[in-house]
mmCIF file of all heavy atoms, coordinates in Angstrom:
data_MODEL
# 
_entry.id   MODEL 
# 
loop_
_atom_site.group_PDB 
_atom_site.id 
_atom_site.type_symbol 
_atom_site.label_atom_id 
_atom_site.label_alt_id 
_atom_site.label_comp_id 
_atom_site.label_asym_id 
_atom_site.label_entity_id 
_atom_site.label_seq_id 
_atom_site.pdbx_PDB_ins_code 
_atom_site.Cartn_x 
_atom_site.Cartn_y 
_atom_site.Cartn_z 
_atom_site.occupancy 
_atom_site.B_iso_or_equiv 
_atom_site.pdbx_formal_charge 
_atom_site.auth_seq_id 
_atom_site.auth_comp_id 
_atom_site.auth_asym_id 
_atom_site.auth_atom_id 
_atom_site.pdbx_PDB_model_num 
ATOM 1   N N   . ARG A 1 1  ? -36.192 -81.353 54.171 1.00 0.00 ? 1  ARG A N   1 
ATOM 2   C CA  . ARG A 1 1  ? -36.004 -80.147 53.354 1.00 0.00 ? 1  ARG A CA  1 
ATOM 3   C C   . ARG A 1 1  ? -35.934 -78.903 54.237 1.00 0.00 ? 1  ARG A C   1 
ATOM 4   O O   . ARG A 1 1  ? -35.132 -77.992 53.978 1.00 0.00 ? 1  ARG A O   1 
ATOM 5   C CB  . ARG A 1 1  ? -37.139 -80.031 52.341 1.00 0.00 ? 1  ARG A CB  1 
ATOM 6   C CG  . ARG A 1 1  ? -37.037 -81.074 51.222 1.00 0.00 ? 1  ARG A CG  1 
ATOM 7   C CD  . ARG A 1 1  ? -38.093 -80.875 50.156 1.00 0.00 ? 1  ARG A CD  1 
ATOM 8   N NE  . ARG A 1 1  ? -37.836 -81.766 49.019 1.00 0.00 ? 1  ARG A NE  1 
ATOM 9   C CZ  . ARG A 1 1  ? -38.107 -81.476 47.765 1.00 0.00 ? 1  ARG A CZ  1 
ATOM 10  N NH1 . ARG A 1 1  ? -38.642 -80.295 47.465 1.00 0.00 ? 1  ARG A NH1 1 
ATOM 11  N NH2 . ARG A 1 1  ? -37.860 -82.340 46.795 1.00 0.00 ? 1  ARG A NH2 1 
ATOM 12  N N   . ALA A 1 2  ? -36.773 -78.878 55.258 1.00 0.00 ? 2  ALA A N   1 
ATOM 13  C CA  . ALA A 1 2  ? -36.740 -77.738 56.173 1.00 0.00 ? 2  ALA A CA  1 
ATOM 14  C C   . ALA A 1 2  ? -35.410 -77.698 56.923 1.00 0.00 ? 2  ALA A C   1 
ATOM 15  O O   . ALA A 1 2  ? -34.860 -76.607 57.182 1.00 0.00 ? 2  ALA A O   1 
ATOM 16  C CB  . ALA A 1 2  ? -37.901 -77.833 57.161 1.00 0.00 ? 2  ALA A CB  1 
ATOM 17  N N   . LEU A 1 3  ? -34.876 -78.867 57.254 1.00 0.00 ? 3  LEU A N   1 
ATOM 18  C CA  . LEU A 1 3  ? -33.578 -78.936 57.924 1.00 0.00 ? 3  LEU A CA  1 
ATOM 19  C C   . LEU A 1 3  ? -32.476 -78.384 57.018 1.00 0.00 ? 3  LEU A C   1 
ATOM 20  O O   . LEU A 1 3  ? -31.615 -77.610 57.472 1.00 0.00 ? 3  LEU A O   1 
ATOM 21  C CB  . LEU A 1 3  ? -33.283 -80.382 58.324 1.00 0.00 ? 3  LEU A CB  1 
ATOM 22  C CG  . LEU A 1 3  ? -31.936 -80.650 59.006 1.00 0.00 ? 3  LEU A CG  1 
ATOM 23  C CD1 . LEU A 1 3  ? -31.827 -79.871 60.313 1.00 0.00 ? 3  LEU A CD1 1 
ATOM 24  C CD2 . LEU A 1 3  ? -31.764 -82.154 59.258 1.00 0.00 ? 3  LEU A CD2 1 
ATOM 25  N N   . ASP A 1 4  ? -32.528 -78.783 55.748 1.00 0.00 ? 4  ASP A N   1 
ATOM 26  C CA  . ASP A 1 4  ? -31.529 -78.280 54.793 1.00 0.00 ? 4  ASP A CA  1 
ATOM 27  C C   . ASP A 1 4  ? -31.616 -76.759 54.662 1.00 0.00 ? 4  ASP A C   1 
ATOM 28  O O   . ASP A 1 4  ? -30.589 -76.062 54.611 1.00 0.00 ? 4  ASP A O   1 
ATOM 29  C CB  . ASP A 1 4  ? -31.728 -78.932 53.430 1.00 0.00 ? 4  ASP A CB  1 
ATOM 30  C CG  . ASP A 1 4  ? -31.380 -80.414 53.430 1.00 0.00 ? 4  ASP A CG  1 
ATOM 31  O OD1 . ASP A 1 4  ? -30.659 -80.846 54.350 1.00 0.00 ? 4  ASP A OD1 1 
ATOM 32  O OD2 . ASP A 1 4  ? -31.841 -81.134 52.520 1.00 0.00 ? 4  ASP A OD2 1 
ATOM 33  N N   . GLN A 1 5  ? -32.830 -76.234 54.625 1.00 0.00 ? 5  GLN A N   1 
ATOM 34  C CA  . GLN A 1 5  ? -33.006 -74.783 54.500 1.00 0.00 ? 5  GLN A CA  1 
ATOM 35  C C   . GLN A 1 5  ? -32.468 -74.056 55.730 1.00 0.00 ? 5  GLN A C   1 
ATOM 36  O O   . GLN A 1 5  ? -31.831 -72.996 55.623 1.00 0.00 ? 5  GLN A O   1 
ATOM 37  C CB  . GLN A 1 5  ? -34.485 -74.459 54.289 1.00 0.00 ? 5  GLN A CB  1 
ATOM 38  C CG  . GLN A 1 5  ? -35.021 -74.894 52.932 1.00 0.00 ? 5  GLN A CG  1 
ATOM 39  C CD  . GLN A 1 5  ? -36.543 -74.810 52.853 1.00 0.00 ? 5  GLN A CD  1 
ATOM 40  O OE1 . GLN A 1 5  ? -37.207 -74.377 53.799 1.00 0.00 ? 5  GLN A OE1 1 
ATOM 41  N NE2 . GLN A 1 5  ? -37.104 -75.221 51.717 1.00 0.00 ? 5  GLN A NE2 1 
ATOM 42  N N   . ALA A 1 6  ? -32.710 -74.623 56.917 1.00 0.00 ? 6  ALA A N   1 
ATOM 43  C CA  . ALA A 1 6  ? -32.213 -74.014 58.148 1.00 0.00 ? 6  ALA A CA  1 
ATOM 44  C C   . ALA A 1 6  ? -30.689 -74.012 58.170 1.00 0.00 ? 6  ALA A C   1 
ATOM 45  O O   . ALA A 1 6  ? -30.053 -73.029 58.593 1.00 0.00 ? 6  ALA A O   1 
ATOM 46  C CB  . ALA A 1 6  ? -32.771 -74.745 59.364 1.00 0.00 ? 6  ALA A CB  1 
ATOM 47  N N   . ARG A 1 7  ? -30.113 -75.086 57.718 1.00 0.00 ? 7  ARG A N   1 
ATOM 48  C CA  . ARG A 1 7  ? -28.644 -75.162 57.667 1.00 0.00 ? 7  ARG A CA  1 
ATOM 49  C C   . ARG A 1 7  ? -28.076 -74.133 56.691 1.00 0.00 ? 7  ARG A C   1 
ATOM 50  O O   . ARG A 1 7  ? -27.090 -73.446 56.998 1.00 0.00 ? 7  ARG A O   1 
ATOM 51  C CB  . ARG A 1 7  ? -28.216 -76.569 57.255 1.00 0.00 ? 7  ARG A CB  1 
ATOM 52  C CG  . ARG A 1 7  ? -28.396 -77.633 58.336 1.00 0.00 ? 7  ARG A CG  1 
ATOM 53  C CD  . ARG A 1 7  ? -28.122 -79.009 57.750 1.00 0.00 ? 7  ARG A CD  1 
ATOM 54  N NE  . ARG A 1 7  ? -28.144 -80.067 58.755 1.00 0.00 ? 7  ARG A NE  1 
ATOM 55  C CZ  . ARG A 1 7  ? -28.089 -81.365 58.442 1.00 0.00 ? 7  ARG A CZ  1 
ATOM 56  N NH1 . ARG A 1 7  ? -27.997 -81.740 57.179 1.00 0.00 ? 7  ARG A NH1 1 
ATOM 57  N NH2 . ARG A 1 7  ? -28.099 -82.268 59.404 1.00 0.00 ? 7  ARG A NH2 1 
ATOM 58  N N   . GLU A 1 8  ? -28.707 -74.042 55.513 1.00 0.00 ? 8  GLU A N   1 
ATOM 59  C CA  . GLU A 1 8  ? -28.230 -73.093 54.501 1.00 0.00 ? 8  GLU A CA  1 
ATOM 60  C C   . GLU A 1 8  ? -28.334 -71.657 55.003 1.00 0.00 ? 8  GLU A C   1 
ATOM 61  O O   . GLU A 1 8  ? -27.510 -70.804 54.653 1.00 0.00 ? 8  GLU A O   1 
ATOM 62  C CB  . GLU A 1 8  ? -29.035 -73.264 53.206 1.00 0.00 ? 8  GLU A CB  1 
ATOM 63  C CG  . GLU A 1 8  ? -28.739 -74.566 52.469 1.00 0.00 ? 8  GLU A CG  1 
ATOM 64  C CD  . GLU A 1 8  ? -29.707 -74.824 51.324 1.00 0.00 ? 8  GLU A CD  1 
ATOM 65  O OE1 . GLU A 1 8  ? -30.529 -73.927 51.032 1.00 0.00 ? 8  GLU A OE1 1 
ATOM 66  O OE2 . GLU A 1 8  ? -29.653 -75.918 50.723 1.00 0.00 ? 8  GLU A OE2 1 
ATOM 67  N N   . ALA A 1 9  ? -29.346 -71.393 55.822 1.00 0.00 ? 9  ALA A N   1 
ATOM 68  C CA  . ALA A 1 9  ? -29.532 -70.047 56.369 1.00 0.00 ? 9  ALA A CA  1 
ATOM 69  C C   . ALA A 1 9  ? -28.663 -69.808 57.592 1.00 0.00 ? 9  ALA A C   1 
ATOM 70  O O   . ALA A 1 9  ? -28.657 -68.697 58.144 1.00 0.00 ? 9  ALA A O   1 
ATOM 71  C CB  . ALA A 1 9  ? -30.999 -69.831 56.722 1.00 0.00 ? 9  ALA A CB  1 
ATOM 72  N N   . GLY A 1 10 ? -27.948 -70.846 58.035 1.00 0.00 ? 10 GLY A N   1 
ATOM 73  C CA  . GLY A 1 10 ? -27.112 -70.714 59.219 1.00 0.00 ? 10 GLY A CA  1 
ATOM 74  C C   . GLY A 1 10 ? -27.894 -70.608 60.511 1.00 0.00 ? 10 GLY A C   1 
ATOM 75  O O   . GLY A 1 10 ? -27.380 -70.123 61.516 1.00 0.00 ? 10 GLY A O   1 
ATOM 76  N N   . ASP A 1 11 ? -29.144 -71.072 60.513 1.00 0.00 ? 11 ASP A N   1 
ATOM 77  C CA  . ASP A 1 11 ? -30.007 -70.985 61.696 1.00 0.00 ? 11 ASP A CA  1 
ATOM 78  C C   . ASP A 1 11 ? -29.878 -72.282 62.502 1.00 0.00 ? 11 ASP A C   1 
ATOM 79  O O   . ASP A 1 11 ? -30.649 -73.229 62.343 1.00 0.00 ? 11 ASP A O   1 
ATOM 80  C CB  . ASP A 1 11 ? -31.461 -70.765 61.251 1.00 0.00 ? 11 ASP A CB  1 
ATOM 81  C CG  . ASP A 1 11 ? -32.396 -70.421 62.407 1.00 0.00 ? 11 ASP A CG  1 
ATOM 82  O OD1 . ASP A 1 11 ? -32.011 -70.671 63.568 1.00 0.00 ? 11 ASP A OD1 1 
ATOM 83  O OD2 . ASP A 1 11 ? -33.501 -69.917 62.140 1.00 0.00 ? 11 ASP A OD2 1 
ATOM 84  N N   . GLU A 1 12 ? -28.918 -72.320 63.394 1.00 0.00 ? 12 GLU A N   1 
ATOM 85  C CA  . GLU A 1 12 ? -28.644 -73.534 64.151 1.00 0.00 ? 12 GLU A CA  1 
ATOM 86  C C   . GLU A 1 12 ? -29.781 -73.874 65.125 1.00 0.00 ? 12 GLU A C   1 
ATOM 87  O O   . GLU A 1 12 ? -30.065 -75.041 65.380 1.00 0.00 ? 12 GLU A O   1 
ATOM 88  C CB  . GLU A 1 12 ? -27.333 -73.392 64.908 1.00 0.00 ? 12 GLU A CB  1 
ATOM 89  C CG  . GLU A 1 12 ? -26.105 -73.323 63.996 1.00 0.00 ? 12 GLU A CG  1 
ATOM 90  C CD  . GLU A 1 12 ? -24.815 -73.280 64.795 1.00 0.00 ? 12 GLU A CD  1 
ATOM 91  O OE1 . GLU A 1 12 ? -24.872 -73.476 66.031 1.00 0.00 ? 12 GLU A OE1 1 
ATOM 92  O OE2 . GLU A 1 12 ? -23.756 -73.059 64.173 1.00 0.00 ? 12 GLU A OE2 1 
ATOM 93  N N   . VAL A 1 13 ? -30.400 -72.862 65.683 1.00 0.00 ? 13 VAL A N   1 
ATOM 94  C CA  . VAL A 1 13 ? -31.502 -73.102 66.618 1.00 0.00 ? 13 VAL A CA  1 
ATOM 95  C C   . VAL A 1 13 ? -32.655 -73.804 65.897 1.00 0.00 ? 13 VAL A C   1 
ATOM 96  O O   . VAL A 1 13 ? -33.203 -74.796 66.384 1.00 0.00 ? 13 VAL A O   1 
ATOM 97  C CB  . VAL A 1 13 ? -31.993 -71.776 67.244 1.00 0.00 ? 13 VAL A CB  1 
ATOM 98  C CG1 . VAL A 1 13 ? -33.255 -72.020 68.082 1.00 0.00 ? 13 VAL A CG1 1 
ATOM 99  C CG2 . VAL A 1 13 ? -30.893 -71.165 68.088 1.00 0.00 ? 13 VAL A CG2 1 
ATOM 100 N N   . ARG A 1 14 ? -33.013 -73.261 64.722 1.00 0.00 ? 14 ARG A N   1 
ATOM 101 C CA  . ARG A 1 14 ? -34.091 -73.889 63.952 1.00 0.00 ? 14 ARG A CA  1 
ATOM 102 C C   . ARG A 1 14 ? -33.698 -75.290 63.505 1.00 0.00 ? 14 ARG A C   1 
ATOM 103 O O   . ARG A 1 14 ? -34.519 -76.211 63.549 1.00 0.00 ? 14 ARG A O   1 
ATOM 104 C CB  . ARG A 1 14 ? -34.420 -73.007 62.736 1.00 0.00 ? 14 ARG A CB  1 
ATOM 105 C CG  . ARG A 1 14 ? -35.510 -73.554 61.826 1.00 0.00 ? 14 ARG A CG  1 
ATOM 106 C CD  . ARG A 1 14 ? -36.819 -73.708 62.556 1.00 0.00 ? 14 ARG A CD  1 
ATOM 107 N NE  . ARG A 1 14 ? -37.862 -74.254 61.700 1.00 0.00 ? 14 ARG A NE  1 
ATOM 108 C CZ  . ARG A 1 14 ? -38.833 -75.062 62.122 1.00 0.00 ? 14 ARG A CZ  1 
ATOM 109 N NH1 . ARG A 1 14 ? -38.900 -75.418 63.410 1.00 0.00 ? 14 ARG A NH1 1 
ATOM 110 N NH2 . ARG A 1 14 ? -39.743 -75.504 61.284 1.00 0.00 ? 14 ARG A NH2 1 
ATOM 111 N N   . ALA A 1 15 ? -32.463 -75.464 63.097 1.00 0.00 ? 15 ALA A N   1 
ATOM 112 C CA  . ALA A 1 15 ? -32.000 -76.785 62.670 1.00 0.00 ? 15 ALA A CA  1 
ATOM 113 C C   . ALA A 1 15 ? -32.104 -77.791 63.820 1.00 0.00 ? 15 ALA A C   1 
ATOM 114 O O   . ALA A 1 15 ? -32.518 -78.946 63.623 1.00 0.00 ? 15 ALA A O   1 
ATOM 115 C CB  . ALA A 1 15 ? -30.568 -76.700 62.167 1.00 0.00 ? 15 ALA A CB  1 
ATOM 116 N N   . HIS A 1 16 ? -31.761 -77.345 65.025 1.00 0.00 ? 16 HIS A N   1 
ATOM 117 C CA  . HIS A 1 16 ? -31.847 -78.223 66.195 1.00 0.00 ? 16 HIS A CA  1 
ATOM 118 C C   . HIS A 1 16 ? -33.309 -78.580 66.489 1.00 0.00 ? 16 HIS A C   1 
ATOM 119 O O   . HIS A 1 16 ? -33.627 -79.733 66.832 1.00 0.00 ? 16 HIS A O   1 
ATOM 120 C CB  . HIS A 1 16 ? -31.224 -77.527 67.406 1.00 0.00 ? 16 HIS A CB  1 
ATOM 121 C CG  . HIS A 1 16 ? -31.227 -78.367 68.652 1.00 0.00 ? 16 HIS A CG  1 
ATOM 122 N ND1 . HIS A 1 16 ? -30.352 -79.412 68.851 1.00 0.00 ? 16 HIS A ND1 1 
ATOM 123 C CD2 . HIS A 1 16 ? -32.024 -78.315 69.763 1.00 0.00 ? 16 HIS A CD2 1 
ATOM 124 C CE1 . HIS A 1 16 ? -30.603 -79.967 70.026 1.00 0.00 ? 16 HIS A CE1 1 
ATOM 125 N NE2 . HIS A 1 16 ? -31.611 -79.316 70.596 1.00 0.00 ? 16 HIS A NE2 1 
ATOM 126 N N   . GLN A 1 17 ? -34.216 -77.618 66.347 1.00 0.00 ? 17 GLN A N   1 
ATOM 127 C CA  . GLN A 1 17 ? -35.642 -77.877 66.574 1.00 0.00 ? 17 GLN A CA  1 
ATOM 128 C C   . GLN A 1 17 ? -36.173 -78.911 65.576 1.00 0.00 ? 17 GLN A C   1 
ATOM 129 O O   . GLN A 1 17 ? -36.917 -79.825 65.946 1.00 0.00 ? 17 GLN A O   1 
ATOM 130 C CB  . GLN A 1 17 ? -36.432 -76.575 66.452 1.00 0.00 ? 17 GLN A CB  1 
ATOM 131 C CG  . GLN A 1 17 ? -36.181 -75.583 67.580 1.00 0.00 ? 17 GLN A CG  1 
ATOM 132 C CD  . GLN A 1 17 ? -36.852 -74.241 67.332 1.00 0.00 ? 17 GLN A CD  1 
ATOM 133 O OE1 . GLN A 1 17 ? -37.191 -73.905 66.187 1.00 0.00 ? 17 GLN A OE1 1 
ATOM 134 N NE2 . GLN A 1 17 ? -37.037 -73.458 68.392 1.00 0.00 ? 17 GLN A NE2 1 
ATOM 135 N N   . ILE A 1 18 ? -35.780 -78.744 64.322 1.00 0.00 ? 18 ILE A N   1 
ATOM 136 C CA  . ILE A 1 18 ? -36.268 -79.666 63.286 1.00 0.00 ? 18 ILE A CA  1 
ATOM 137 C C   . ILE A 1 18 ? -35.716 -81.068 63.525 1.00 0.00 ? 18 ILE A C   1 
ATOM 138 O O   . ILE A 1 18 ? -36.430 -82.069 63.365 1.00 0.00 ? 18 ILE A O   1 
ATOM 139 C CB  . ILE A 1 18 ? -35.884 -79.151 61.888 1.00 0.00 ? 18 ILE A CB  1 
ATOM 140 C CG1 . ILE A 1 18 ? -36.612 -77.838 61.592 1.00 0.00 ? 18 ILE A CG1 1 
ATOM 141 C CG2 . ILE A 1 18 ? -36.218 -80.191 60.816 1.00 0.00 ? 18 ILE A CG2 1 
ATOM 142 C CD1 . ILE A 1 18 ? -36.111 -77.115 60.365 1.00 0.00 ? 18 ILE A CD1 1 
ATOM 143 N N   . GLN A 1 19 ? -34.464 -81.153 63.908 1.00 0.00 ? 19 GLN A N   1 
ATOM 144 C CA  . GLN A 1 19 ? -33.882 -82.466 64.171 1.00 0.00 ? 19 GLN A CA  1 
ATOM 145 C C   . GLN A 1 19 ? -34.603 -83.156 65.327 1.00 0.00 ? 19 GLN A C   1 
ATOM 146 O O   . GLN A 1 19 ? -34.813 -84.372 65.307 1.00 0.00 ? 19 GLN A O   1 
ATOM 147 C CB  . GLN A 1 19 ? -32.391 -82.332 64.484 1.00 0.00 ? 19 GLN A CB  1 
ATOM 148 C CG  . GLN A 1 19 ? -31.662 -83.666 64.541 1.00 0.00 ? 19 GLN A CG  1 
ATOM 149 C CD  . GLN A 1 19 ? -30.165 -83.480 64.472 1.00 0.00 ? 19 GLN A CD  1 
ATOM 150 O OE1 . GLN A 1 19 ? -29.636 -82.916 63.515 1.00 0.00 ? 19 GLN A OE1 1 
ATOM 151 N NE2 . GLN A 1 19 ? -29.476 -83.958 65.499 1.00 0.00 ? 19 GLN A NE2 1 
ATOM 152 N N   . ALA A 1 20 ? -35.010 -82.395 66.322 1.00 0.00 ? 20 ALA A N   1 
ATOM 153 C CA  . ALA A 1 20 ? -35.785 -82.966 67.429 1.00 0.00 ? 20 ALA A CA  1 
ATOM 154 C C   . ALA A 1 20 ? -37.135 -83.478 66.922 1.00 0.00 ? 20 ALA A C   1 
ATOM 155 O O   . ALA A 1 20 ? -37.622 -84.532 67.361 1.00 0.00 ? 20 ALA A O   1 
ATOM 156 C CB  . ALA A 1 20 ? -35.983 -81.920 68.521 1.00 0.00 ? 20 ALA A CB  1 
ATOM 157 N N   . GLU A 1 21 ? -37.759 -82.740 65.994 1.00 0.00 ? 21 GLU A N   1 
ATOM 158 C CA  . GLU A 1 21 ? -39.022 -83.203 65.397 1.00 0.00 ? 21 GLU A CA  1 
ATOM 159 C C   . GLU A 1 21 ? -38.814 -84.510 64.646 1.00 0.00 ? 21 GLU A C   1 
ATOM 160 O O   . GLU A 1 21 ? -39.670 -85.401 64.682 1.00 0.00 ? 21 GLU A O   1 
ATOM 161 C CB  . GLU A 1 21 ? -39.571 -82.134 64.452 1.00 0.00 ? 21 GLU A CB  1 
ATOM 162 C CG  . GLU A 1 21 ? -40.114 -80.889 65.143 1.00 0.00 ? 21 GLU A CG  1 
ATOM 163 C CD  . GLU A 1 21 ? -40.707 -79.905 64.133 1.00 0.00 ? 21 GLU A CD  1 
ATOM 164 O OE1 . GLU A 1 21 ? -41.522 -80.334 63.285 1.00 0.00 ? 21 GLU A OE1 1 
ATOM 165 O OE2 . GLU A 1 21 ? -40.327 -78.713 64.171 1.00 0.00 ? 21 GLU A OE2 1 
ATOM 166 N N   . ILE A 1 22 ? -37.708 -84.616 63.953 1.00 0.00 ? 22 ILE A N   1 
ATOM 167 C CA  . ILE A 1 22 ? -37.400 -85.863 63.228 1.00 0.00 ? 22 ILE A CA  1 
ATOM 168 C C   . ILE A 1 22 ? -37.239 -87.012 64.220 1.00 0.00 ? 22 ILE A C   1 
ATOM 169 O O   . ILE A 1 22 ? -37.779 -88.110 64.019 1.00 0.00 ? 22 ILE A O   1 
ATOM 170 C CB  . ILE A 1 22 ? -36.122 -85.676 62.378 1.00 0.00 ? 22 ILE A CB  1 
ATOM 171 C CG1 . ILE A 1 22 ? -36.372 -84.669 61.252 1.00 0.00 ? 22 ILE A CG1 1 
ATOM 172 C CG2 . ILE A 1 22 ? -35.660 -87.016 61.800 1.00 0.00 ? 22 ILE A CG2 1 
ATOM 173 C CD1 . ILE A 1 22 ? -35.112 -84.208 60.537 1.00 0.00 ? 22 ILE A CD1 1 
ATOM 174 N N   . ASP A 1 23 ? -36.477 -86.761 65.298 1.00 0.00 ? 23 ASP A N   1 
ATOM 175 C CA  . ASP A 1 23 ? -36.229 -87.814 66.295 1.00 0.00 ? 23 ASP A CA  1 
ATOM 176 C C   . ASP A 1 23 ? -37.507 -88.274 66.972 1.00 0.00 ? 23 ASP A C   1 
ATOM 177 O O   . ASP A 1 23 ? -37.610 -89.438 67.387 1.00 0.00 ? 23 ASP A O   1 
ATOM 178 C CB  . ASP A 1 23 ? -35.240 -87.316 67.353 1.00 0.00 ? 23 ASP A CB  1 
ATOM 179 C CG  . ASP A 1 23 ? -33.823 -87.189 66.824 1.00 0.00 ? 23 ASP A CG  1 
ATOM 180 O OD1 . ASP A 1 23 ? -33.528 -87.803 65.768 1.00 0.00 ? 23 ASP A OD1 1 
ATOM 181 O OD2 . ASP A 1 23 ? -33.016 -86.467 67.452 1.00 0.00 ? 23 ASP A OD2 1 
ATOM 182 N N   . HIS A 1 24 ? -38.487 -87.382 67.106 1.00 0.00 ? 24 HIS A N   1 
ATOM 183 C CA  . HIS A 1 24 ? -39.733 -87.711 67.810 1.00 0.00 ? 24 HIS A CA  1 
ATOM 184 C C   . HIS A 1 24 ? -40.922 -87.834 66.855 1.00 0.00 ? 24 HIS A C   1 
ATOM 185 O O   . HIS A 1 24 ? -42.076 -87.733 67.280 1.00 0.00 ? 24 HIS A O   1 
ATOM 186 C CB  . HIS A 1 24 ? -40.020 -86.652 68.874 1.00 0.00 ? 24 HIS A CB  1 
ATOM 187 C CG  . HIS A 1 24 ? -39.000 -86.598 69.957 1.00 0.00 ? 24 HIS A CG  1 
ATOM 188 N ND1 . HIS A 1 24 ? -37.923 -85.729 69.929 1.00 0.00 ? 24 HIS A ND1 1 
ATOM 189 C CD2 . HIS A 1 24 ? -38.842 -87.333 71.098 1.00 0.00 ? 24 HIS A CD2 1 
ATOM 190 C CE1 . HIS A 1 24 ? -37.166 -85.912 70.998 1.00 0.00 ? 24 HIS A CE1 1 
ATOM 191 N NE2 . HIS A 1 24 ? -37.701 -86.873 71.722 1.00 0.00 ? 24 HIS A NE2 1 
ATOM 192 N N   . HIS A 1 25 ? -40.646 -88.086 65.604 1.00 0.00 ? 25 HIS A N   1 
ATOM 193 C CA  . HIS A 1 25 ? -41.721 -88.190 64.611 1.00 0.00 ? 25 HIS A CA  1 
ATOM 194 C C   . HIS A 1 25 ? -42.667 -89.339 64.961 1.00 0.00 ? 25 HIS A C   1 
ATOM 195 O O   . HIS A 1 25 ? -42.224 -90.461 65.253 1.00 0.00 ? 25 HIS A O   1 
ATOM 196 C CB  . HIS A 1 25 ? -41.133 -88.423 63.213 1.00 0.00 ? 25 HIS A CB  1 
ATOM 197 C CG  . HIS A 1 25 ? -42.165 -88.612 62.148 1.00 0.00 ? 25 HIS A CG  1 
ATOM 198 N ND1 . HIS A 1 25 ? -42.544 -89.856 61.679 1.00 0.00 ? 25 HIS A ND1 1 
ATOM 199 C CD2 . HIS A 1 25 ? -42.914 -87.702 61.470 1.00 0.00 ? 25 HIS A CD2 1 
ATOM 200 C CE1 . HIS A 1 25 ? -43.466 -89.705 60.757 1.00 0.00 ? 25 HIS A CE1 1 
ATOM 201 N NE2 . HIS A 1 25 ? -43.711 -88.418 60.608 1.00 0.00 ? 25 HIS A NE2 1 
# 
């Protein structure tokens, strides 16, 4: 959900950070 919100806000840096959290969960 946080990833979707970052994408909707156009925040690519935040989206990349969240995706890294997902990959290293």
